[in-house]
Amino acid sequence: MSKICQITGKRPSRGYTYTIRGIAKKKKGIGLKVTGKTKRSFLPNLKRKRLWLAEENRFITLRLSMNALRTIDKLGLAEVVREMRAAGKKV
């Protein structure tokens, strides 16, 4: 299964990790210099959660980011599921 949040759509993104050498100017050096860049990926903080959907009297299992859990706390699970279904996602 892909690493995508079912509610927010967060997915892995790409970036770089930088290798730095030198002595900082505030420590009387000539400054820090980037000596290399390595590609890396930033992964979303995903968890598989089993939530009780009271309107349908059943549990649903979703793959959520922690940001999506905060959204569920704010709006309520029923509203979030309604929006997902309106967008054409299967729940």
PDB file of N, CA and C in Angstrom:
ATOM      1  N   MET A   1       0.844  -1.181   0.000  1.00  0.00           N
ATOM      2  CA  MET A   1       0.000   0.000   0.000  1.00  0.00           C
ATOM      3  C   MET A   1       0.883   1.235   0.000  1.00  0.00           C
ATOM      4  N   SER A   2       0.474   2.235  -0.773  1.00  0.00           N
ATOM      5  CA  SER A   2       1.279   3.442  -0.891  1.00  0.00           C
ATOM      6  C   SER A   2       1.196   4.278   0.384  1.00  0.00           C
ATOM      7  N   LYS A   3       2.193   5.125   0.568  1.00  0.00           N
ATOM      8  CA  LYS A   3       2.296   5.943   1.787  1.00  0.00           C
ATOM      9  C   LYS A   3       1.581   7.261   1.587  1.00  0.00           C
ATOM     10  N   ILE A   4       0.231   7.196   1.464  1.00  0.00           N
ATOM     11  CA  ILE A   4      -0.583   8.389   1.234  1.00  0.00           C
ATOM     12  C   ILE A   4      -1.689   8.419   2.279  1.00  0.00           C
ATOM     13  N   CYS A   5      -1.884   9.579   2.904  1.00  0.00           N
ATOM     14  CA  CYS A   5      -2.971   9.762   3.858  1.00  0.00           C
ATOM     15  C   CYS A   5      -4.291   9.794   3.101  1.00  0.00           C
ATOM     16  N   GLN A   6      -5.285   9.051   3.579  1.00  0.00           N
ATOM     17  CA  GLN A   6      -6.560   8.955   2.885  1.00  0.00           C
ATOM     18  C   GLN A   6      -7.394  10.231   3.024  1.00  0.00           C
ATOM     19  N   ILE A   7      -7.122  11.057   4.012  1.00  0.00           N
ATOM     20  CA  ILE A   7      -7.918  12.265   4.221  1.00  0.00           C
ATOM     21  C   ILE A   7      -7.207  13.497   3.664  1.00  0.00           C
ATOM     22  N   THR A   8      -5.983  13.736   4.084  1.00  0.00           N
ATOM     23  CA  THR A   8      -5.292  14.965   3.686  1.00  0.00           C
ATOM     24  C   THR A   8      -4.552  14.821   2.366  1.00  0.00           C
ATOM     25  N   GLY A   9      -4.253  13.594   1.938  1.00  0.00           N
ATOM     26  CA  GLY A   9      -3.525  13.396   0.697  1.00  0.00           C
ATOM     27  C   GLY A   9      -2.027  13.589   0.823  1.00  0.00           C
ATOM     28  N   LYS A  10      -1.540  13.675   2.077  1.00  0.00           N
ATOM     29  CA  LYS A  10      -0.095  13.832   2.269  1.00  0.00           C
ATOM     30  C   LYS A  10       0.615  12.599   1.714  1.00  0.00           C
ATOM     31  N   ARG A  11       1.747  12.836   1.046  1.00  0.00           N
ATOM     32  CA  ARG A  11       2.519  11.757   0.445  1.00  0.00           C
ATOM     33  C   ARG A  11       4.004  12.048   0.620  1.00  0.00           C
ATOM     34  N   PRO A  12       4.880  11.084   0.349  1.00  0.00           N
ATOM     35  CA  PRO A  12       6.309  11.349   0.483  1.00  0.00           C
ATOM     36  C   PRO A  12       6.755  12.459  -0.465  1.00  0.00           C
ATOM     37  N   SER A  13       7.665  13.296   0.012  1.00  0.00           N
ATOM     38  CA  SER A  13       8.225  14.350  -0.822  1.00  0.00           C
ATOM     39  C   SER A  13       9.741  14.199  -0.848  1.00  0.00           C
ATOM     40  N   ARG A  14      10.363  14.809  -1.838  1.00  0.00           N
ATOM     41  CA  ARG A  14      11.808  14.669  -2.020  1.00  0.00           C
ATOM     42  C   ARG A  14      12.518  15.942  -1.586  1.00  0.00           C
ATOM     43  N   GLY A  15      13.761  15.763  -1.184  1.00  0.00           N
ATOM     44  CA  GLY A  15      14.581  16.889  -0.786  1.00  0.00           C
ATOM     45  C   GLY A  15      16.034  16.466  -0.716  1.00  0.00           C
ATOM     46  N   TYR A  16      16.826  17.251  -0.028  1.00  0.00           N
ATOM     47  CA  TYR A  16      18.248  16.983   0.091  1.00  0.00           C
ATOM     48  C   TYR A  16      18.673  17.018   1.545  1.00  0.00           C
ATOM     49  N   THR A  17      19.726  16.265   1.853  1.00  0.00           N
ATOM     50  CA  THR A  17      20.440  16.423   3.108  1.00  0.00           C
ATOM     51  C   THR A  17      21.812  16.990   2.735  1.00  0.00           C
ATOM     52  N   TYR A  18      22.235  18.010   3.446  1.00  0.00           N
ATOM     53  CA  TYR A  18      23.446  18.735   3.096  1.00  0.00           C
ATOM     54  C   TYR A  18      24.589  18.361   4.030  1.00  0.00           C
ATOM     55  N   THR A  19      25.767  18.177   3.464  1.00  0.00           N
ATOM     56  CA  THR A  19      26.982  17.961   4.234  1.00  0.00           C
ATOM     57  C   THR A  19      27.698  19.303   4.331  1.00  0.00           C
ATOM     58  N   ILE A  20      28.005  19.725   5.558  1.00  0.00           N
ATOM     59  CA  ILE A  20      28.562  21.056   5.789  1.00  0.00           C
ATOM     60  C   ILE A  20      29.898  20.938   6.512  1.00  0.00           C
ATOM     61  N   ARG A  21      30.894  21.738   6.068  1.00  0.00           N
ATOM     62  CA  ARG A  21      32.203  21.792   6.725  1.00  0.00           C
ATOM     63  C   ARG A  21      32.577  23.228   6.989  1.00  0.00           C
ATOM     64  N   GLY A  22      33.472  23.425   7.912  1.00  0.00           N
ATOM     65  CA  GLY A  22      33.989  24.759   8.190  1.00  0.00           C
ATOM     66  C   GLY A  22      33.694  25.181   9.616  1.00  0.00           C
ATOM     67  N   ILE A  23      34.157  26.359   9.943  1.00  0.00           N
ATOM     68  CA  ILE A  23      33.949  26.937  11.273  1.00  0.00           C
ATOM     69  C   ILE A  23      33.078  28.175  11.094  1.00  0.00           C
ATOM     70  N   ALA A  24      32.036  28.291  11.914  1.00  0.00           N
ATOM     71  CA  ALA A  24      31.083  29.382  11.794  1.00  0.00           C
ATOM     72  C   ALA A  24      31.771  30.734  11.974  1.00  0.00           C
ATOM     73  N   LYS A  25      31.233  31.747  11.312  1.00  0.00           N
ATOM     74  CA  LYS A  25      31.814  33.089  11.401  1.00  0.00           C
ATOM     75  C   LYS A  25      31.772  33.636  12.817  1.00  0.00           C
ATOM     76  N   LYS A  26      30.711  33.304  13.570  1.00  0.00           N
ATOM     77  CA  LYS A  26      30.650  33.812  14.938  1.00  0.00           C
ATOM     78  C   LYS A  26      31.676  33.145  15.850  1.00  0.00           C
ATOM     79  N   LYS A  27      32.298  32.055  15.358  1.00  0.00           N
ATOM     80  CA  LYS A  27      33.396  31.432  16.101  1.00  0.00           C
ATOM     81  C   LYS A  27      34.733  31.808  15.467  1.00  0.00           C
ATOM     82  N   LYS A  28      34.748  32.930  14.726  1.00  0.00           N
ATOM     83  CA  LYS A  28      35.950  33.491  14.098  1.00  0.00           C
ATOM     84  C   LYS A  28      36.492  32.637  12.960  1.00  0.00           C
ATOM     85  N   GLY A  29      35.625  31.870  12.334  1.00  0.00           N
ATOM     86  CA  GLY A  29      36.026  31.090  11.168  1.00  0.00           C
ATOM     87  C   GLY A  29      35.675  31.836   9.886  1.00  0.00           C
ATOM     88  N   ILE A  30      35.832  31.155   8.743  1.00  0.00           N
ATOM     89  CA  ILE A  30      35.515  31.789   7.459  1.00  0.00           C
ATOM     90  C   ILE A  30      34.093  31.449   7.008  1.00  0.00           C
ATOM     91  N   GLY A  31      33.368  30.687   7.801  1.00  0.00           N
ATOM     92  CA  GLY A  31      31.975  30.375   7.476  1.00  0.00           C
ATOM     93  C   GLY A  31      31.790  28.914   7.117  1.00  0.00           C
ATOM     94  N   LEU A  32      30.556  28.498   7.145  1.00  0.00           N
ATOM     95  CA  LEU A  32      30.223  27.115   6.820  1.00  0.00           C
ATOM     96  C   LEU A  32      30.013  26.973   5.322  1.00  0.00           C
ATOM     97  N   LYS A  33      30.534  25.912   4.754  1.00  0.00           N
ATOM     98  CA  LYS A  33      30.420  25.667   3.318  1.00  0.00           C
ATOM     99  C   LYS A  33      29.720  24.326   3.089  1.00  0.00           C
ATOM    100  N   VAL A  34      28.826  24.271   2.112  1.00  0.00           N
ATOM    101  CA  VAL A  34      28.163  23.028   1.726  1.00  0.00           C
ATOM    102  C   VAL A  34      29.128  22.260   0.839  1.00  0.00           C
ATOM    103  N   THR A  35      29.457  21.039   1.252  1.00  0.00           N
ATOM    104  CA  THR A  35      30.418  20.238   0.489  1.00  0.00           C
ATOM    105  C   THR A  35      29.752  19.082  -0.235  1.00  0.00           C
ATOM    106  N   GLY A  36      28.461  18.875  -0.021  1.00  0.00           N
ATOM    107  CA  GLY A  36      27.793  17.792  -0.730  1.00  0.00           C
ATOM    108  C   GLY A  36      26.298  17.813  -0.482  1.00  0.00           C
ATOM    109  N   LYS A  37      25.556  17.279  -1.444  1.00  0.00           N
ATOM    110  CA  LYS A  37      24.101  17.144  -1.324  1.00  0.00           C
ATOM    111  C   LYS A  37      23.756  15.697  -1.635  1.00  0.00           C
ATOM    112  N   THR A  38      22.898  15.112  -0.814  1.00  0.00           N
ATOM    113  CA  THR A  38      22.434  13.753  -1.035  1.00  0.00           C
ATOM    114  C   THR A  38      20.915  13.765  -1.069  1.00  0.00           C
ATOM    115  N   LYS A  39      20.324  13.121  -2.078  1.00  0.00           N
ATOM    116  CA  LYS A  39      18.868  13.067  -2.161  1.00  0.00           C
ATOM    117  C   LYS A  39      18.305  12.216  -1.034  1.00  0.00           C
ATOM    118  N   ARG A  40      17.151  12.632  -0.518  1.00  0.00           N
ATOM    119  CA  ARG A  40      16.457  11.869   0.511  1.00  0.00           C
ATOM    120  C   ARG A  40      14.974  12.100   0.343  1.00  0.00           C
ATOM    121  N   SER A  41      14.158  11.294   1.062  1.00  0.00           N
ATOM    122  CA  SER A  41      12.714  11.479   0.991  1.00  0.00           C
ATOM    123  C   SER A  41      12.182  11.785   2.381  1.00  0.00           C
ATOM    124  N   PHE A  42      11.197  12.664   2.433  1.00  0.00           N
ATOM    125  CA  PHE A  42      10.517  13.016   3.666  1.00  0.00           C
ATOM    126  C   PHE A  42       9.212  12.231   3.690  1.00  0.00           C
ATOM    127  N   LEU A  43       9.052  11.333   4.658  1.00  0.00           N
ATOM    128  CA  LEU A  43       7.871  10.484   4.721  1.00  0.00           C
ATOM    129  C   LEU A  43       6.827  11.080   5.658  1.00  0.00           C
ATOM    130  N   PRO A  44       5.542  10.986   5.310  1.00  0.00           N
ATOM    131  CA  PRO A  44       4.501  11.480   6.215  1.00  0.00           C
ATOM    132  C   PRO A  44       4.362  10.571   7.421  1.00  0.00           C
ATOM    133  N   ASN A  45       3.874  11.135   8.514  1.00  0.00           N
ATOM    134  CA  ASN A  45       3.690  10.386   9.750  1.00  0.00           C
ATOM    135  C   ASN A  45       2.339   9.661   9.684  1.00  0.00           C
ATOM    136  N   LEU A  46       2.337   8.451   9.106  1.00  0.00           N
ATOM    137  CA  LEU A  46       1.098   7.707   8.881  1.00  0.00           C
ATOM    138  C   LEU A  46       0.900   6.610   9.910  1.00  0.00           C
ATOM    139  N   LYS A  47      -0.348   6.430  10.330  1.00  0.00           N
ATOM    140  CA  LYS A  47      -0.739   5.339  11.222  1.00  0.00           C
ATOM    141  C   LYS A  47      -2.027   4.735  10.693  1.00  0.00           C
ATOM    142  N   ARG A  48      -2.189   3.440  10.895  1.00  0.00           N
ATOM    143  CA  ARG A  48      -3.444   2.776  10.543  1.00  0.00           C
ATOM    144  C   ARG A  48      -4.349   2.832  11.777  1.00  0.00           C
ATOM    145  N   LYS A  49      -5.503   3.488  11.639  1.00  0.00           N
ATOM    146  CA  LYS A  49      -6.411   3.678  12.773  1.00  0.00           C
ATOM    147  C   LYS A  49      -7.753   3.022  12.474  1.00  0.00           C
ATOM    148  N   ARG A  50      -8.316   2.407  13.494  1.00  0.00           N
ATOM    149  CA  ARG A  50      -9.635   1.782  13.415  1.00  0.00           C
ATOM    150  C   ARG A  50     -10.581   2.663  14.221  1.00  0.00           C
ATOM    151  N   LEU A  51     -11.520   3.302  13.518  1.00  0.00           N
ATOM    152  CA  LEU A  51     -12.395   4.292  14.136  1.00  0.00           C
ATOM    153  C   LEU A  51     -13.844   3.821  14.082  1.00  0.00           C
ATOM    154  N   TRP A  52     -14.606   4.156  15.112  1.00  0.00           N
ATOM    155  CA  TRP A  52     -16.018   3.772  15.193  1.00  0.00           C
ATOM    156  C   TRP A  52     -16.864   4.826  14.493  1.00  0.00           C
ATOM    157  N   LEU A  53     -17.604   4.404  13.473  1.00  0.00           N
ATOM    158  CA  LEU A  53     -18.507   5.284  12.735  1.00  0.00           C
ATOM    159  C   LEU A  53     -19.913   5.016  13.248  1.00  0.00           C
ATOM    160  N   ALA A  54     -20.404   5.885  14.128  1.00  0.00           N
ATOM    161  CA  ALA A  54     -21.660   5.656  14.836  1.00  0.00           C
ATOM    162  C   ALA A  54     -22.868   5.657  13.902  1.00  0.00           C
ATOM    163  N   GLU A  55     -22.847   6.481  12.844  1.00  0.00           N
ATOM    164  CA  GLU A  55     -23.991   6.570  11.943  1.00  0.00           C
ATOM    165  C   GLU A  55     -24.275   5.245  11.239  1.00  0.00           C
ATOM    166  N   GLU A  56     -23.211   4.503  10.926  1.00  0.00           N
ATOM    167  CA  GLU A  56     -23.365   3.219  10.226  1.00  0.00           C
ATOM    168  C   GLU A  56     -23.198   2.030  11.167  1.00  0.00           C
ATOM    169  N   ASN A  57     -22.954   2.318  12.444  1.00  0.00           N
ATOM    170  CA  ASN A  57     -22.829   1.285  13.471  1.00  0.00           C
ATOM    171  C   ASN A  57     -21.754   0.251  13.120  1.00  0.00           C
ATOM    172  N   ARG A  58     -20.574   0.736  12.706  1.00  0.00           N
ATOM    173  CA  ARG A  58     -19.476  -0.163  12.327  1.00  0.00           C
ATOM    174  C   ARG A  58     -18.137   0.553  12.494  1.00  0.00           C
ATOM    175  N   PHE A  59     -17.074  -0.245  12.481  1.00  0.00           N
ATOM    176  CA  PHE A  59     -15.716   0.287  12.512  1.00  0.00           C
ATOM    177  C   PHE A  59     -15.249   0.511  11.076  1.00  0.00           C
ATOM    178  N   ILE A  60     -14.436   1.550  10.873  1.00  0.00           N
ATOM    179  CA  ILE A  60     -13.743   1.735   9.605  1.00  0.00           C
ATOM    180  C   ILE A  60     -12.255   1.866   9.905  1.00  0.00           C
ATOM    181  N   THR A  61     -11.440   1.331   9.014  1.00  0.00           N
ATOM    182  CA  THR A  61      -9.991   1.401   9.165  1.00  0.00           C
ATOM    183  C   THR A  61      -9.451   2.348   8.116  1.00  0.00           C
ATOM    184  N   LEU A  62      -8.709   3.345   8.553  1.00  0.00           N
ATOM    185  CA  LEU A  62      -8.146   4.345   7.653  1.00  0.00           C
ATOM    186  C   LEU A  62      -6.647   4.463   7.888  1.00  0.00           C
ATOM    187  N   ARG A  63      -5.926   4.829   6.844  1.00  0.00           N
ATOM    188  CA  ARG A  63      -4.500   5.120   6.966  1.00  0.00           C
ATOM    189  C   ARG A  63      -4.362   6.634   7.024  1.00  0.00           C
ATOM    190  N   LEU A  64      -4.023   7.145   8.210  1.00  0.00           N
ATOM    191  CA  LEU A  64      -4.110   8.573   8.480  1.00  0.00           C
ATOM    192  C   LEU A  64      -2.769   9.165   8.890  1.00  0.00           C
ATOM    193  N   SER A  65      -2.584  10.429   8.543  1.00  0.00           N
ATOM    194  CA  SER A  65      -1.483  11.196   9.113  1.00  0.00           C
ATOM    195  C   SER A  65      -1.974  11.760  10.444  1.00  0.00           C
ATOM    196  N   MET A  66      -1.063  12.183  11.274  1.00  0.00           N
ATOM    197  CA  MET A  66      -1.455  12.733  12.561  1.00  0.00           C
ATOM    198  C   MET A  66      -2.204  14.059  12.368  1.00  0.00           C
ATOM    199  N   ASN A  67      -1.903  14.769  11.296  1.00  0.00           N
ATOM    200  CA  ASN A  67      -2.639  15.979  10.958  1.00  0.00           C
ATOM    201  C   ASN A  67      -4.102  15.639  10.659  1.00  0.00           C
ATOM    202  N   ALA A  68      -4.361  14.518  10.012  1.00  0.00           N
ATOM    203  CA  ALA A  68      -5.732  14.094   9.705  1.00  0.00           C
ATOM    204  C   ALA A  68      -6.483  13.723  10.981  1.00  0.00           C
ATOM    205  N   LEU A  69      -5.788  13.146  11.966  1.00  0.00           N
ATOM    206  CA  LEU A  69      -6.442  12.833  13.242  1.00  0.00           C
ATOM    207  C   LEU A  69      -6.902  14.106  13.934  1.00  0.00           C
ATOM    208  N   ARG A  70      -6.111  15.170  13.835  1.00  0.00           N
ATOM    209  CA  ARG A  70      -6.513  16.459  14.416  1.00  0.00           C
ATOM    210  C   ARG A  70      -7.720  17.017  13.673  1.00  0.00           C
ATOM    211  N   THR A  71      -7.773  16.796  12.361  1.00  0.00           N
ATOM    212  CA  THR A  71      -8.926  17.232  11.575  1.00  0.00           C
ATOM    213  C   THR A  71     -10.178  16.489  12.006  1.00  0.00           C
ATOM    214  N   ILE A  72     -10.055  15.185  12.259  1.00  0.00           N
ATOM    215  CA  ILE A  72     -11.193  14.386  12.716  1.00  0.00           C
ATOM    216  C   ILE A  72     -11.658  14.870  14.085  1.00  0.00           C
ATOM    217  N   ASP A  73     -10.720  15.199  14.967  1.00  0.00           N
ATOM    218  CA  ASP A  73     -11.092  15.725  16.281  1.00  0.00           C
ATOM    219  C   ASP A  73     -11.858  17.037  16.152  1.00  0.00           C
ATOM    220  N   LYS A  74     -11.460  17.856  15.184  1.00  0.00           N
ATOM    221  CA  LYS A  74     -12.075  19.171  15.024  1.00  0.00           C
ATOM    222  C   LYS A  74     -13.449  19.088  14.358  1.00  0.00           C
ATOM    223  N   LEU A  75     -13.550  18.376  13.232  1.00  0.00           N
ATOM    224  CA  LEU A  75     -14.779  18.344  12.455  1.00  0.00           C
ATOM    225  C   LEU A  75     -15.727  17.208  12.834  1.00  0.00           C
ATOM    226  N   GLY A  76     -15.170  16.107  13.310  1.00  0.00           N
ATOM    227  CA  GLY A  76     -15.961  14.915  13.598  1.00  0.00           C
ATOM    228  C   GLY A  76     -15.793  13.905  12.473  1.00  0.00           C
ATOM    229  N   LEU A  77     -15.831  12.625  12.830  1.00  0.00           N
ATOM    230  CA  LEU A  77     -15.591  11.562  11.861  1.00  0.00           C
ATOM    231  C   LEU A  77     -16.677  11.527  10.787  1.00  0.00           C
ATOM    232  N   ALA A  78     -17.931  11.735  11.169  1.00  0.00           N
ATOM    233  CA  ALA A  78     -19.028  11.664  10.208  1.00  0.00           C
ATOM    234  C   ALA A  78     -18.865  12.712   9.102  1.00  0.00           C
ATOM    235  N   GLU A  79     -18.479  13.922   9.469  1.00  0.00           N
ATOM    236  CA  GLU A  79     -18.293  14.993   8.481  1.00  0.00           C
ATOM    237  C   GLU A  79     -17.133  14.681   7.545  1.00  0.00           C
ATOM    238  N   VAL A  80     -16.046  14.148   8.089  1.00  0.00           N
ATOM    239  CA  VAL A  80     -14.874  13.817   7.278  1.00  0.00           C
ATOM    240  C   VAL A  80     -15.217  12.705   6.289  1.00  0.00           C
ATOM    241  N   VAL A  81     -15.944  11.681   6.742  1.00  0.00           N
ATOM    242  CA  VAL A  81     -16.340  10.575   5.861  1.00  0.00           C
ATOM    243  C   VAL A  81     -17.266  11.096   4.765  1.00  0.00           C
ATOM    244  N   ARG A  82     -18.169  12.007   5.108  1.00  0.00           N
ATOM    245  CA  ARG A  82     -19.083  12.591   4.125  1.00  0.00           C
ATOM    246  C   ARG A  82     -18.296  13.328   3.038  1.00  0.00           C
ATOM    247  N   GLU A  83     -17.278  14.097   3.440  1.00  0.00           N
ATOM    248  CA  GLU A  83     -16.451  14.817   2.472  1.00  0.00           C
ATOM    249  C   GLU A  83     -15.649  13.861   1.596  1.00  0.00           C
ATOM    250  N   MET A  84     -15.135  12.763   2.190  1.00  0.00           N
ATOM    251  CA  MET A  84     -14.384  11.778   1.417  1.00  0.00           C
ATOM    252  C   MET A  84     -15.269  11.138   0.354  1.00  0.00           C
ATOM    253  N   ARG A  85     -16.482  10.774   0.723  1.00  0.00           N
ATOM    254  CA  ARG A  85     -17.392  10.146  -0.232  1.00  0.00           C
ATOM    255  C   ARG A  85     -17.808  11.128  -1.329  1.00  0.00           C
ATOM    256  N   ALA A  86     -17.963  12.395  -0.976  1.00  0.00           N
ATOM    257  CA  ALA A  86     -18.300  13.407  -1.979  1.00  0.00           C
ATOM    258  C   ALA A  86     -17.163  13.584  -2.993  1.00  0.00           C
ATOM    259  N   ALA A  87     -15.937  13.370  -2.533  1.00  0.00           N
ATOM    260  CA  ALA A  87     -14.777  13.467  -3.414  1.00  0.00           C
ATOM    261  C   ALA A  87     -14.552  12.196  -4.217  1.00  0.00           C
ATOM    262  N   GLY A  88     -15.365  11.162  -3.975  1.00  0.00           N
ATOM    263  CA  GLY A  88     -15.275   9.919  -4.731  1.00  0.00           C
ATOM    264  C   GLY A  88     -14.334   8.889  -4.164  1.00  0.00           C
ATOM    265  N   LYS A  89     -13.914   9.056  -2.919  1.00  0.00           N
ATOM    266  CA  LYS A  89     -13.025   8.081  -2.286  1.00  0.00           C
ATOM    267  C   LYS A  89     -13.841   6.995  -1.601  1.00  0.00           C
ATOM    268  N   LYS A  90     -13.323   5.782  -1.618  1.00  0.00           N
ATOM    269  CA  LYS A  90     -14.002   4.654  -0.994  1.00  0.00           C
ATOM    270  C   LYS A  90     -13.673   4.624   0.502  1.00  0.00           C
ATOM    271  N   VAL A  91     -14.709   4.391   1.333  1.00  0.00           N
ATOM    272  CA  VAL A  91     -14.507   4.311   2.778  1.00  0.00           C
ATOM    273  C   VAL A  91     -14.999   2.961   3.253  1.00  0.00           C
TER     274      VAL A  91
END
